[in-house]
Amino acid sequence: MNKCVAMGRVALMMLLSLNVLAEVELHGELKQGGLLWGSLPVGSTAKLDGKALQTADNGVFVFGFDRDAAPAAILEICSANGSCETRDLHIAQRQYDIQRVNGVPQKTVTPPASVLERIRKETALVSKARQQQFSRQDFTQTFKWPVLGPITGVFGSQRVYNGSPGRPHYGLDIAAPTGSTVTAPIDGVVTLAHPDMFYSGGTLIIDHGMGVSSTFIHLSRVLVAEGQEIKQGQVIAEVGATGRATGPHLDWRINWAGLRLDPALVIGPMPSAK
C-alpha cells in the first residue's frame, strides 16, 4: 500500500475519532446535584472518572453528580474501533443553606430504640427498590411538575441540631393541601409503594430506567401498585403529612446509581397555580 495513502487513512481515522466526542451533546446541568444524559454512536462506550457508564443499544447513557461532587470530572468516550477521547467536565459548585438549631429535645433528633428495627427493614425495602435494573429511557423525556405550590424546602439544605449536623435534605418540598393529587413527572414503573414508613410516611418510588428513579414521600395515599407501568401526568398519589413531617407537602427526590440528585435541575420554573 502506498505509504502516503496509509498515512492519510490513519489521519482520517484520528479525525473521525476526535469528532465522536465533539458530537456528543449532554442534556442537563453540569452542577452539583445535576442529572445528565447523552447519546453515543452505536458501539461506543463511556466512562466517568474511570468508571464504566451503562450504555443502551441505541447509544443513550446517563450519569449524575451528588450534592458534594468535586469541581472536576473526566468523561471518556471510546469508539467502536477502540480509540478513546476525554472531555474535562467542570462541575459548578453550590452554596447550601445551613441552619443551626439549638435547644432541641434529643428525643426529637434521635429516634427511640423501639423503632430501630422497623427503620432498618424499611431502609432495606427502599434499597431493594432502587437496585432493580430497567433498560427504560424515560429520563430523556421533558419533566413536568408533579404538584403545584410554594417551594418550602430545597435540595442540599441542612440543619445542625444542638451542634450535631443532621442529614442534608435531598428533596424538593412543595407545599399543598392534604389530598392534593400528585402526578407522574415522566413515565416509569413502580418499584415501591408503601403506605406508611417511619421517616417518610406514604412512600412511592418510580424507576425511569438505567438507575434513574423518583421518590415521593409523606403521601396521604399511594394510588398505584408495585410493578405498575406509569405514564407522564398520571395521578399516582395524594399529598399528605405522614411520617416525620410538620405539615402537608410533597417531598420529591431523584436518584441515580446510589447518588442523590436535585429535582429542581431537571425541571423548569414552577408554573403559576390555578
C-alpha atoms as a PDB file:
ATOM      1  CA  MET A   1       0.000   0.000   0.000  1.00  0.00           C
ATOM      2  CA  ASN A   2       1.214   3.478  -0.824  1.00  0.00           C
ATOM      3  CA  LYS A   3       2.734   4.988   2.349  1.00  0.00           C
ATOM      4  CA  CYS A   4       1.041   8.359   1.787  1.00  0.00           C
ATOM      5  CA  VAL A   5      -2.345   6.693   1.316  1.00  0.00           C
ATOM      6  CA  ALA A   6      -1.850   4.679   4.530  1.00  0.00           C
ATOM      7  CA  MET A   7      -0.901   7.803   6.466  1.00  0.00           C
ATOM      8  CA  GLY A   8      -3.918   9.576   5.009  1.00  0.00           C
ATOM      9  CA  ARG A   9      -6.215   6.812   6.216  1.00  0.00           C
ATOM     10  CA  VAL A  10      -4.673   6.936   9.716  1.00  0.00           C
ATOM     11  CA  ALA A  11      -5.153  10.692   9.796  1.00  0.00           C
ATOM     12  CA  LEU A  12      -8.774  10.309   8.666  1.00  0.00           C
ATOM     13  CA  MET A  13      -9.406   7.682  11.368  1.00  0.00           C
ATOM     14  CA  MET A  14      -7.982  10.042  14.005  1.00  0.00           C
ATOM     15  CA  LEU A  15     -10.147  12.871  12.688  1.00  0.00           C
ATOM     16  CA  LEU A  16     -13.272  10.710  12.821  1.00  0.00           C
ATOM     17  CA  SER A  17     -12.341   9.617  16.327  1.00  0.00           C
ATOM     18  CA  LEU A  18     -11.885  13.175  17.519  1.00  0.00           C
ATOM     19  CA  ASN A  19     -15.234  14.126  16.039  1.00  0.00           C
ATOM     20  CA  VAL A  20     -17.089  11.452  18.028  1.00  0.00           C
ATOM     21  CA  LEU A  21     -16.767  13.248  21.364  1.00  0.00           C
ATOM     22  CA  ALA A  22     -17.432  16.631  19.777  1.00  0.00           C
ATOM     23  CA  GLU A  23     -20.770  15.329  18.515  1.00  0.00           C
ATOM     24  CA  VAL A  24     -21.892  14.036  21.939  1.00  0.00           C
ATOM     25  CA  GLU A  25     -24.394  16.536  23.286  1.00  0.00           C
ATOM     26  CA  LEU A  26     -25.044  16.406  27.019  1.00  0.00           C
ATOM     27  CA  HIS A  27     -28.522  17.263  28.262  1.00  0.00           C
ATOM     28  CA  GLY A  28     -28.746  18.629  31.810  1.00  0.00           C
ATOM     29  CA  GLU A  29     -26.777  20.917  34.111  1.00  0.00           C
ATOM     30  CA  LEU A  30     -23.107  20.384  34.938  1.00  0.00           C
ATOM     31  CA  LYS A  31     -23.724  21.257  38.547  1.00  0.00           C
ATOM     32  CA  GLN A  32     -23.734  19.592  41.950  1.00  0.00           C
ATOM     33  CA  GLY A  33     -26.985  17.612  42.046  1.00  0.00           C
ATOM     34  CA  GLY A  34     -27.291  17.560  38.250  1.00  0.00           C
ATOM     35  CA  LEU A  35     -28.612  14.728  36.068  1.00  0.00           C
ATOM     36  CA  LEU A  36     -27.119  14.471  32.574  1.00  0.00           C
ATOM     37  CA  TRP A  37     -27.661  12.187  29.616  1.00  0.00           C
ATOM     38  CA  GLY A  38     -26.397  11.921  26.078  1.00  0.00           C
ATOM     39  CA  SER A  39     -26.285   9.648  23.046  1.00  0.00           C
ATOM     40  CA  LEU A  40     -23.202   7.925  21.645  1.00  0.00           C
ATOM     41  CA  PRO A  41     -22.575   6.430  18.216  1.00  0.00           C
ATOM     42  CA  VAL A  42     -23.566   2.751  18.179  1.00  0.00           C
ATOM     43  CA  GLY A  43     -20.805   0.568  19.578  1.00  0.00           C
ATOM     44  CA  SER A  44     -19.215   3.328  21.640  1.00  0.00           C
ATOM     45  CA  THR A  45     -18.723   3.201  25.408  1.00  0.00           C
ATOM     46  CA  ALA A  46     -18.398   5.834  28.114  1.00  0.00           C
ATOM     47  CA  LYS A  47     -16.605   6.166  31.442  1.00  0.00           C
ATOM     48  CA  LEU A  48     -16.887   8.822  34.133  1.00  0.00           C
ATOM     49  CA  ASP A  49     -13.731   9.239  36.200  1.00  0.00           C
ATOM     50  CA  GLY A  50     -12.648   5.784  35.066  1.00  0.00           C
ATOM     51  CA  LYS A  51     -15.908   4.048  35.963  1.00  0.00           C
ATOM     52  CA  ALA A  52     -17.890   2.494  33.120  1.00  0.00           C
ATOM     53  CA  LEU A  53     -21.321   4.002  32.445  1.00  0.00           C
ATOM     54  CA  GLN A  54     -24.203   1.848  31.298  1.00  0.00           C
ATOM     55  CA  THR A  55     -24.834   2.443  27.601  1.00  0.00           C
ATOM     56  CA  ALA A  56     -28.035   1.336  25.875  1.00  0.00           C
ATOM     57  CA  ASP A  57     -28.063  -0.380  22.490  1.00  0.00           C
ATOM     58  CA  ASN A  58     -29.117   2.908  20.889  1.00  0.00           C
ATOM     59  CA  GLY A  59     -26.165   4.738  22.497  1.00  0.00           C
ATOM     60  CA  VAL A  60     -28.033   6.542  25.275  1.00  0.00           C
ATOM     61  CA  PHE A  61     -26.128   6.918  28.554  1.00  0.00           C
ATOM     62  CA  VAL A  62     -26.813   8.801  31.786  1.00  0.00           C
ATOM     63  CA  PHE A  63     -24.928   9.966  34.865  1.00  0.00           C
ATOM     64  CA  GLY A  64     -25.173  12.492  37.682  1.00  0.00           C
ATOM     65  CA  PHE A  65     -23.321  14.413  40.383  1.00  0.00           C
ATOM     66  CA  ASP A  66     -24.253  14.358  44.045  1.00  0.00           C
ATOM     67  CA  ARG A  67     -24.611  17.251  46.486  1.00  0.00           C
ATOM     68  CA  ASP A  68     -20.906  17.434  47.296  1.00  0.00           C
ATOM     69  CA  ALA A  69     -19.401  16.456  43.943  1.00  0.00           C
ATOM     70  CA  ALA A  70     -15.869  17.681  43.221  1.00  0.00           C
ATOM     71  CA  PRO A  71     -15.465  20.622  40.817  1.00  0.00           C
ATOM     72  CA  ALA A  72     -13.952  18.488  38.051  1.00  0.00           C
ATOM     73  CA  ALA A  73     -14.664  15.146  36.396  1.00  0.00           C
ATOM     74  CA  ILE A  74     -13.406  13.357  33.293  1.00  0.00           C
ATOM     75  CA  LEU A  75     -15.728  11.865  30.685  1.00  0.00           C
ATOM     76  CA  GLU A  76     -14.048   9.297  28.460  1.00  0.00           C
ATOM     77  CA  ILE A  77     -15.638   8.086  25.227  1.00  0.00           C
ATOM     78  CA  CYS A  78     -14.300   5.090  23.327  1.00  0.00           C
ATOM     79  CA  SER A  79     -15.498   4.433  19.788  1.00  0.00           C
ATOM     80  CA  ALA A  80     -16.197   1.021  18.296  1.00  0.00           C
ATOM     81  CA  ASN A  81     -12.702   0.953  16.741  1.00  0.00           C
ATOM     82  CA  GLY A  82     -11.119   1.241  20.206  1.00  0.00           C
ATOM     83  CA  SER A  83      -9.920   4.844  20.001  1.00  0.00           C
ATOM     84  CA  CYS A  84     -10.706   6.902  23.105  1.00  0.00           C
ATOM     85  CA  GLU A  85     -11.048  10.595  23.865  1.00  0.00           C
ATOM     86  CA  THR A  86     -11.628  12.512  27.064  1.00  0.00           C
ATOM     87  CA  ARG A  87     -13.514  15.666  27.964  1.00  0.00           C
ATOM     88  CA  ASP A  88     -12.916  17.641  31.148  1.00  0.00           C
ATOM     89  CA  LEU A  89     -16.208  18.417  32.872  1.00  0.00           C
ATOM     90  CA  HIS A  90     -16.349  21.442  35.141  1.00  0.00           C
ATOM     91  CA  ILE A  91     -18.970  20.913  37.855  1.00  0.00           C
ATOM     92  CA  ALA A  92     -20.492  24.124  39.183  1.00  0.00           C
ATOM     93  CA  GLN A  93     -20.243  24.281  42.970  1.00  0.00           C
ATOM     94  CA  ARG A  94     -23.175  25.399  45.120  1.00  0.00           C
ATOM     95  CA  GLN A  95     -23.712  27.150  48.423  1.00  0.00           C
ATOM     96  CA  TYR A  96     -26.292  25.396  50.595  1.00  0.00           C
ATOM     97  CA  ASP A  97     -28.493  26.850  53.293  1.00  0.00           C
ATOM     98  CA  ILE A  98     -27.178  25.684  56.683  1.00  0.00           C
ATOM     99  CA  GLN A  99     -29.399  26.353  59.716  1.00  0.00           C
ATOM    100  CA  ARG A 100     -28.195  25.946  63.313  1.00  0.00           C
ATOM    101  CA  VAL A 101     -30.889  24.976  65.781  1.00  0.00           C
ATOM    102  CA  ASN A 102     -30.093  24.662  69.485  1.00  0.00           C
ATOM    103  CA  GLY A 103     -32.169  23.528  72.441  1.00  0.00           C
ATOM    104  CA  VAL A 104     -33.946  20.751  70.515  1.00  0.00           C
ATOM    105  CA  PRO A 105     -35.002  17.796  72.758  1.00  0.00           C
ATOM    106  CA  GLN A 106     -32.758  14.834  71.973  1.00  0.00           C
ATOM    107  CA  LYS A 107     -35.741  12.512  71.501  1.00  0.00           C
ATOM    108  CA  THR A 108     -36.773  14.700  68.576  1.00  0.00           C
ATOM    109  CA  VAL A 109     -33.353  14.335  66.937  1.00  0.00           C
ATOM    110  CA  THR A 110     -32.751  10.633  67.641  1.00  0.00           C
ATOM    111  CA  PRO A 111     -35.490   8.032  67.086  1.00  0.00           C
ATOM    112  CA  PRO A 112     -36.300   5.780  70.070  1.00  0.00           C
ATOM    113  CA  ALA A 113     -34.689   2.322  70.207  1.00  0.00           C
ATOM    114  CA  SER A 114     -38.122   0.722  69.885  1.00  0.00           C
ATOM    115  CA  VAL A 115     -38.389   1.731  66.209  1.00  0.00           C
ATOM    116  CA  LEU A 116     -34.825   0.977  65.070  1.00  0.00           C
ATOM    117  CA  GLU A 117     -35.699  -2.474  63.736  1.00  0.00           C
ATOM    118  CA  ARG A 118     -38.617  -1.011  61.787  1.00  0.00           C
ATOM    119  CA  ILE A 119     -36.337   1.652  60.314  1.00  0.00           C
ATOM    120  CA  ARG A 120     -33.774  -0.987  59.256  1.00  0.00           C
ATOM    121  CA  LYS A 121     -36.432  -3.053  57.496  1.00  0.00           C
ATOM    122  CA  GLU A 122     -37.861  -0.027  55.689  1.00  0.00           C
ATOM    123  CA  THR A 123     -34.391   1.124  54.635  1.00  0.00           C
ATOM    124  CA  ALA A 124     -33.800  -2.339  53.137  1.00  0.00           C
ATOM    125  CA  LEU A 125     -37.065  -2.101  51.173  1.00  0.00           C
ATOM    126  CA  VAL A 126     -36.025   1.244  49.690  1.00  0.00           C
ATOM    127  CA  SER A 127     -32.566  -0.072  48.826  1.00  0.00           C
ATOM    128  CA  LYS A 128     -34.024  -3.144  47.120  1.00  0.00           C
ATOM    129  CA  ALA A 129     -36.420  -0.983  45.088  1.00  0.00           C
ATOM    130  CA  ARG A 130     -33.585   1.238  43.836  1.00  0.00           C
ATOM    131  CA  GLN A 131     -31.353  -1.695  42.936  1.00  0.00           C
ATOM    132  CA  GLN A 132     -33.761  -3.007  40.326  1.00  0.00           C
ATOM    133  CA  GLN A 133     -32.440  -2.654  36.785  1.00  0.00           C
ATOM    134  CA  PHE A 134     -34.537  -1.447  33.852  1.00  0.00           C
ATOM    135  CA  SER A 135     -33.408  -0.582  30.331  1.00  0.00           C
ATOM    136  CA  ARG A 136     -36.061   2.142  30.068  1.00  0.00           C
ATOM    137  CA  GLN A 137     -35.027   5.632  28.967  1.00  0.00           C
ATOM    138  CA  ASP A 138     -37.894   7.645  30.414  1.00  0.00           C
ATOM    139  CA  PHE A 139     -35.432  10.184  31.858  1.00  0.00           C
ATOM    140  CA  THR A 140     -34.960  11.576  28.335  1.00  0.00           C
ATOM    141  CA  GLN A 141     -38.499  12.997  28.491  1.00  0.00           C
ATOM    142  CA  THR A 142     -39.201  16.587  29.491  1.00  0.00           C
ATOM    143  CA  PHE A 143     -40.125  16.532  33.187  1.00  0.00           C
ATOM    144  CA  LYS A 144     -43.396  18.070  34.387  1.00  0.00           C
ATOM    145  CA  TRP A 145     -44.205  19.252  37.909  1.00  0.00           C
ATOM    146  CA  PRO A 146     -45.890  16.505  39.979  1.00  0.00           C
ATOM    147  CA  VAL A 147     -47.827  19.076  42.022  1.00  0.00           C
ATOM    148  CA  LEU A 148     -48.055  22.865  42.062  1.00  0.00           C
ATOM    149  CA  GLY A 149     -47.478  25.011  45.133  1.00  0.00           C
ATOM    150  CA  PRO A 150     -44.915  27.064  47.053  1.00  0.00           C
ATOM    151  CA  ILE A 151     -41.396  25.650  47.326  1.00  0.00           C
ATOM    152  CA  THR A 152     -40.779  25.214  51.051  1.00  0.00           C
ATOM    153  CA  GLY A 153     -37.627  23.113  51.052  1.00  0.00           C
ATOM    154  CA  VAL A 154     -34.696  22.827  48.665  1.00  0.00           C
ATOM    155  CA  PHE A 155     -32.081  20.231  47.813  1.00  0.00           C
ATOM    156  CA  GLY A 156     -28.853  20.323  49.824  1.00  0.00           C
ATOM    157  CA  SER A 157     -30.048  22.395  52.765  1.00  0.00           C
ATOM    158  CA  GLN A 158     -29.012  21.154  56.193  1.00  0.00           C
ATOM    159  CA  ARG A 159     -29.750  21.721  59.867  1.00  0.00           C
ATOM    160  CA  VAL A 160     -27.288  21.445  62.724  1.00  0.00           C
ATOM    161  CA  TYR A 161     -29.169  20.307  65.835  1.00  0.00           C
ATOM    162  CA  ASN A 162     -27.516  21.101  69.181  1.00  0.00           C
ATOM    163  CA  GLY A 163     -24.165  21.321  67.398  1.00  0.00           C
ATOM    164  CA  SER A 164     -24.524  17.979  65.561  1.00  0.00           C
ATOM    165  CA  PRO A 165     -25.065  18.146  61.768  1.00  0.00           C
ATOM    166  CA  GLY A 166     -28.228  16.410  60.593  1.00  0.00           C
ATOM    167  CA  ARG A 167     -28.506  14.711  57.232  1.00  0.00           C
ATOM    168  CA  PRO A 168     -28.813  17.163  54.326  1.00  0.00           C
ATOM    169  CA  HIS A 169     -32.217  17.498  52.733  1.00  0.00           C
ATOM    170  CA  TYR A 170     -32.098  15.633  49.446  1.00  0.00           C
ATOM    171  CA  GLY A 171     -35.500  16.533  48.083  1.00  0.00           C
ATOM    172  CA  LEU A 172     -37.595  19.370  46.763  1.00  0.00           C
ATOM    173  CA  ASP A 173     -40.501  20.240  49.068  1.00  0.00           C
ATOM    174  CA  ILE A 174     -43.699  21.561  47.502  1.00  0.00           C
ATOM    175  CA  ALA A 175     -46.450  22.719  49.874  1.00  0.00           C
ATOM    176  CA  ALA A 176     -50.007  21.673  49.008  1.00  0.00           C
ATOM    177  CA  PRO A 177     -53.146  20.751  50.971  1.00  0.00           C
ATOM    178  CA  THR A 178     -53.578  17.174  52.138  1.00  0.00           C
ATOM    179  CA  GLY A 179     -55.346  15.192  49.419  1.00  0.00           C
ATOM    180  CA  SER A 180     -53.923  17.228  46.530  1.00  0.00           C
ATOM    181  CA  THR A 181     -53.213  14.947  43.580  1.00  0.00           C
ATOM    182  CA  VAL A 182     -49.638  14.028  42.681  1.00  0.00           C
ATOM    183  CA  THR A 183     -48.963  13.176  39.030  1.00  0.00           C
ATOM    184  CA  ALA A 184     -46.029  11.371  37.435  1.00  0.00           C
ATOM    185  CA  PRO A 185     -43.384  13.839  36.176  1.00  0.00           C
ATOM    186  CA  ILE A 186     -42.355  11.359  33.450  1.00  0.00           C
ATOM    187  CA  ASP A 187     -43.050   7.725  32.538  1.00  0.00           C
ATOM    188  CA  GLY A 188     -41.770   4.848  34.655  1.00  0.00           C
ATOM    189  CA  VAL A 189     -42.509   1.670  36.562  1.00  0.00           C
ATOM    190  CA  VAL A 190     -43.382   1.460  40.272  1.00  0.00           C
ATOM    191  CA  THR A 191     -40.740  -0.337  42.347  1.00  0.00           C
ATOM    192  CA  LEU A 192     -42.042   0.576  45.822  1.00  0.00           C
ATOM    193  CA  ALA A 193     -45.495   1.535  47.089  1.00  0.00           C
ATOM    194  CA  HIS A 194     -45.627   1.693  50.889  1.00  0.00           C
ATOM    195  CA  PRO A 195     -48.499   3.225  52.897  1.00  0.00           C
ATOM    196  CA  ASP A 196     -46.533   4.299  55.973  1.00  0.00           C
ATOM    197  CA  MET A 197     -42.805   4.327  56.698  1.00  0.00           C
ATOM    198  CA  PHE A 198     -41.369   5.746  59.923  1.00  0.00           C
ATOM    199  CA  TYR A 199     -39.469   8.653  58.398  1.00  0.00           C
ATOM    200  CA  SER A 200     -41.151   9.128  55.031  1.00  0.00           C
ATOM    201  CA  GLY A 201     -44.747   8.036  55.696  1.00  0.00           C
ATOM    202  CA  GLY A 202     -46.546   7.116  52.473  1.00  0.00           C
ATOM    203  CA  THR A 203     -43.691   6.360  50.098  1.00  0.00           C
ATOM    204  CA  LEU A 204     -43.625   5.785  46.352  1.00  0.00           C
ATOM    205  CA  ILE A 205     -40.636   5.041  44.109  1.00  0.00           C
ATOM    206  CA  ILE A 206     -40.896   5.090  40.319  1.00  0.00           C
ATOM    207  CA  ASP A 207     -37.997   3.859  38.201  1.00  0.00           C
ATOM    208  CA  HIS A 208     -37.248   5.772  34.993  1.00  0.00           C
ATOM    209  CA  GLY A 209     -34.558   3.428  33.691  1.00  0.00           C
ATOM    210  CA  MET A 210     -30.766   2.975  33.796  1.00  0.00           C
ATOM    211  CA  GLY A 211     -30.551   3.743  37.511  1.00  0.00           C
ATOM    212  CA  VAL A 212     -32.688   6.902  37.495  1.00  0.00           C
ATOM    213  CA  SER A 213     -35.674   6.971  39.852  1.00  0.00           C
ATOM    214  CA  SER A 214     -38.088   9.385  41.511  1.00  0.00           C
ATOM    215  CA  THR A 215     -39.185   9.109  45.133  1.00  0.00           C
ATOM    216  CA  PHE A 216     -42.310  10.763  46.540  1.00  0.00           C
ATOM    217  CA  ILE A 217     -42.771  10.842  50.317  1.00  0.00           C
ATOM    218  CA  HIS A 218     -45.085  11.996  53.134  1.00  0.00           C
ATOM    219  CA  LEU A 219     -48.043  10.890  50.987  1.00  0.00           C
ATOM    220  CA  SER A 220     -51.512  10.529  52.481  1.00  0.00           C
ATOM    221  CA  ARG A 221     -52.439   7.929  49.838  1.00  0.00           C
ATOM    222  CA  VAL A 222     -50.496   5.867  47.315  1.00  0.00           C
ATOM    223  CA  LEU A 223     -52.728   5.179  44.310  1.00  0.00           C
ATOM    224  CA  VAL A 224     -50.570   2.810  42.263  1.00  0.00           C
ATOM    225  CA  ALA A 225     -49.089  -0.651  42.865  1.00  0.00           C
ATOM    226  CA  GLU A 226     -45.614  -2.150  42.597  1.00  0.00           C
ATOM    227  CA  GLY A 227     -44.840  -3.345  39.086  1.00  0.00           C
ATOM    228  CA  GLN A 228     -47.367  -0.971  37.506  1.00  0.00           C
ATOM    229  CA  GLU A 229     -46.379   0.940  34.368  1.00  0.00           C
ATOM    230  CA  ILE A 230     -46.866   4.684  34.803  1.00  0.00           C
ATOM    231  CA  LYS A 231     -47.394   7.376  32.176  1.00  0.00           C
ATOM    232  CA  GLN A 232     -46.435  11.023  32.490  1.00  0.00           C
ATOM    233  CA  GLY A 233     -49.271  13.061  34.002  1.00  0.00           C
ATOM    234  CA  GLN A 234     -50.990  10.020  35.520  1.00  0.00           C
ATOM    235  CA  VAL A 235     -52.339  10.508  39.055  1.00  0.00           C
ATOM    236  CA  ILE A 236     -50.132   8.395  41.326  1.00  0.00           C
ATOM    237  CA  ALA A 237     -50.737   9.620  44.885  1.00  0.00           C
ATOM    238  CA  GLU A 238     -52.109  12.305  47.181  1.00  0.00           C
ATOM    239  CA  VAL A 239     -50.172  14.861  49.230  1.00  0.00           C
ATOM    240  CA  GLY A 240     -50.018  14.319  52.967  1.00  0.00           C
ATOM    241  CA  ALA A 241     -48.065  14.962  56.152  1.00  0.00           C
ATOM    242  CA  THR A 242     -47.270  11.362  57.085  1.00  0.00           C
ATOM    243  CA  GLY A 243     -44.013  10.166  58.610  1.00  0.00           C
ATOM    244  CA  ARG A 244     -41.786  12.825  60.154  1.00  0.00           C
ATOM    245  CA  ALA A 245     -43.391  15.834  58.512  1.00  0.00           C
ATOM    246  CA  THR A 246     -44.524  19.078  60.121  1.00  0.00           C
ATOM    247  CA  GLY A 247     -47.187  19.911  57.539  1.00  0.00           C
ATOM    248  CA  PRO A 248     -48.726  18.715  54.271  1.00  0.00           C
ATOM    249  CA  HIS A 249     -46.323  18.819  51.347  1.00  0.00           C
ATOM    250  CA  LEU A 250     -44.753  16.657  48.657  1.00  0.00           C
ATOM    251  CA  ASP A 251     -41.098  15.787  49.089  1.00  0.00           C
ATOM    252  CA  TRP A 252     -39.868  14.774  45.609  1.00  0.00           C
ATOM    253  CA  ARG A 253     -36.444  13.220  45.200  1.00  0.00           C
ATOM    254  CA  ILE A 254     -34.349  11.876  42.315  1.00  0.00           C
ATOM    255  CA  ASN A 255     -31.648   9.211  42.490  1.00  0.00           C
ATOM    256  CA  TRP A 256     -29.142   7.844  40.026  1.00  0.00           C
ATOM    257  CA  ALA A 257     -26.956   4.810  40.794  1.00  0.00           C
ATOM    258  CA  GLY A 258     -26.927   5.499  44.526  1.00  0.00           C
ATOM    259  CA  LEU A 259     -26.408   9.251  44.164  1.00  0.00           C
ATOM    260  CA  ARG A 260     -28.991  11.797  45.285  1.00  0.00           C
ATOM    261  CA  LEU A 261     -29.793  14.466  42.702  1.00  0.00           C
ATOM    262  CA  ASP A 262     -31.747  17.728  42.634  1.00  0.00           C
ATOM    263  CA  PRO A 263     -35.217  17.613  41.009  1.00  0.00           C
ATOM    264  CA  ALA A 264     -35.097  21.394  40.555  1.00  0.00           C
ATOM    265  CA  LEU A 265     -32.307  20.963  37.998  1.00  0.00           C
ATOM    266  CA  VAL A 266     -34.336  18.704  35.689  1.00  0.00           C
ATOM    267  CA  ILE A 267     -37.492  20.788  35.563  1.00  0.00           C
ATOM    268  CA  GLY A 268     -38.333  24.329  34.510  1.00  0.00           C
ATOM    269  CA  PRO A 269     -39.769  27.108  36.674  1.00  0.00           C
ATOM    270  CA  MET A 270     -42.880  26.387  38.712  1.00  0.00           C
ATOM    271  CA  PRO A 271     -45.922  27.464  36.671  1.00  0.00           C
ATOM    272  CA  SER A 272     -48.496  29.639  38.349  1.00  0.00           C
ATOM    273  CA  ALA A 273     -51.013  27.539  40.266  1.00  0.00           C
ATOM    274  CA  LYS A 274     -54.577  27.984  39.085  1.00  0.00           C
END
